[in-house]
Amino acid sequence: LPSFFLSSLLFLMSEHSFTNATCM
């Protein structure tokens, strides 16, 4: 897998978890 794909996926995962933490 390309590195940019991994970095973007990691960014999306971190952003999603941050949103969940804010909601809770």
N, C-alpha and C. Protein backbone atom coordinates (compact mmCIF):
# COMPACT_ATOMS: atom_id res chain seq x y z
N LEU A 1 0.84 -1.21 0.00
CA LEU A 1 0.00 0.00 0.00
C LEU A 1 0.87 1.26 0.00
N PRO A 2 0.44 2.30 -0.73
CA PRO A 2 1.18 3.56 -0.75
C PRO A 2 1.17 4.24 0.61
N SER A 3 2.21 4.98 0.88
CA SER A 3 2.32 5.61 2.20
C SER A 3 1.24 6.67 2.40
N PHE A 4 0.87 7.36 1.33
CA PHE A 4 -0.14 8.41 1.47
C PHE A 4 -1.50 7.82 1.84
N PHE A 5 -1.76 6.59 1.38
CA PHE A 5 -3.01 5.93 1.73
C PHE A 5 -3.03 5.59 3.22
N LEU A 6 -1.90 5.10 3.72
CA LEU A 6 -1.81 4.75 5.14
C LEU A 6 -1.93 5.99 6.01
N SER A 7 -1.28 7.07 5.59
CA SER A 7 -1.33 8.30 6.38
C SER A 7 -2.73 8.89 6.39
N SER A 8 -3.40 8.84 5.24
CA SER A 8 -4.76 9.38 5.17
C SER A 8 -5.72 8.54 6.00
N LEU A 9 -5.52 7.22 5.97
CA LEU A 9 -6.37 6.32 6.75
C LEU A 9 -6.16 6.57 8.24
N LEU A 10 -4.91 6.76 8.64
CA LEU A 10 -4.61 7.03 10.04
C LEU A 10 -5.24 8.36 10.47
N PHE A 11 -5.19 9.34 9.57
CA PHE A 11 -5.78 10.65 9.87
C PHE A 11 -7.29 10.52 10.05
N LEU A 12 -7.93 9.76 9.18
CA LEU A 12 -9.38 9.58 9.27
C LEU A 12 -9.76 8.85 10.56
N MET A 13 -8.98 7.85 10.93
CA MET A 13 -9.25 7.09 12.14
C MET A 13 -9.10 7.98 13.37
N SER A 14 -8.05 8.79 13.40
CA SER A 14 -7.81 9.66 14.54
C SER A 14 -8.90 10.73 14.63
N GLU A 15 -9.32 11.24 13.46
CA GLU A 15 -10.36 12.25 13.43
C GLU A 15 -11.68 11.67 13.91
N HIS A 16 -11.98 10.43 13.51
CA HIS A 16 -13.22 9.77 13.90
C HIS A 16 -13.24 9.53 15.41
N SER A 17 -12.14 9.07 15.95
CA SER A 17 -12.07 8.79 17.38
C SER A 17 -12.17 10.09 18.18
N PHE A 18 -11.59 11.17 17.63
CA PHE A 18 -11.66 12.47 18.29
C PHE A 18 -13.10 12.96 18.32
N THR A 19 -13.83 12.74 17.23
CA THR A 19 -15.24 13.16 17.16
C THR A 19 -16.07 12.37 18.16
N ASN A 20 -15.80 11.08 18.28
CA ASN A 20 -16.54 10.24 19.23
C ASN A 20 -16.26 10.69 20.66
N ALA A 21 -15.01 11.03 20.95
CA ALA A 21 -14.65 11.46 22.29
C ALA A 21 -15.35 12.79 22.62
N THR A 22 -15.49 13.65 21.61
CA THR A 22 -16.14 14.93 21.83
C THR A 22 -17.63 14.74 22.07
N CYS A 23 -18.23 13.80 21.35
CA CYS A 23 -19.66 13.54 21.52
C CYS A 23 -19.94 12.96 22.90
N MET A 24 -19.05 12.11 23.38
CA MET A 24 -19.23 11.49 24.68
C MET A 24 -18.66 12.43 25.75
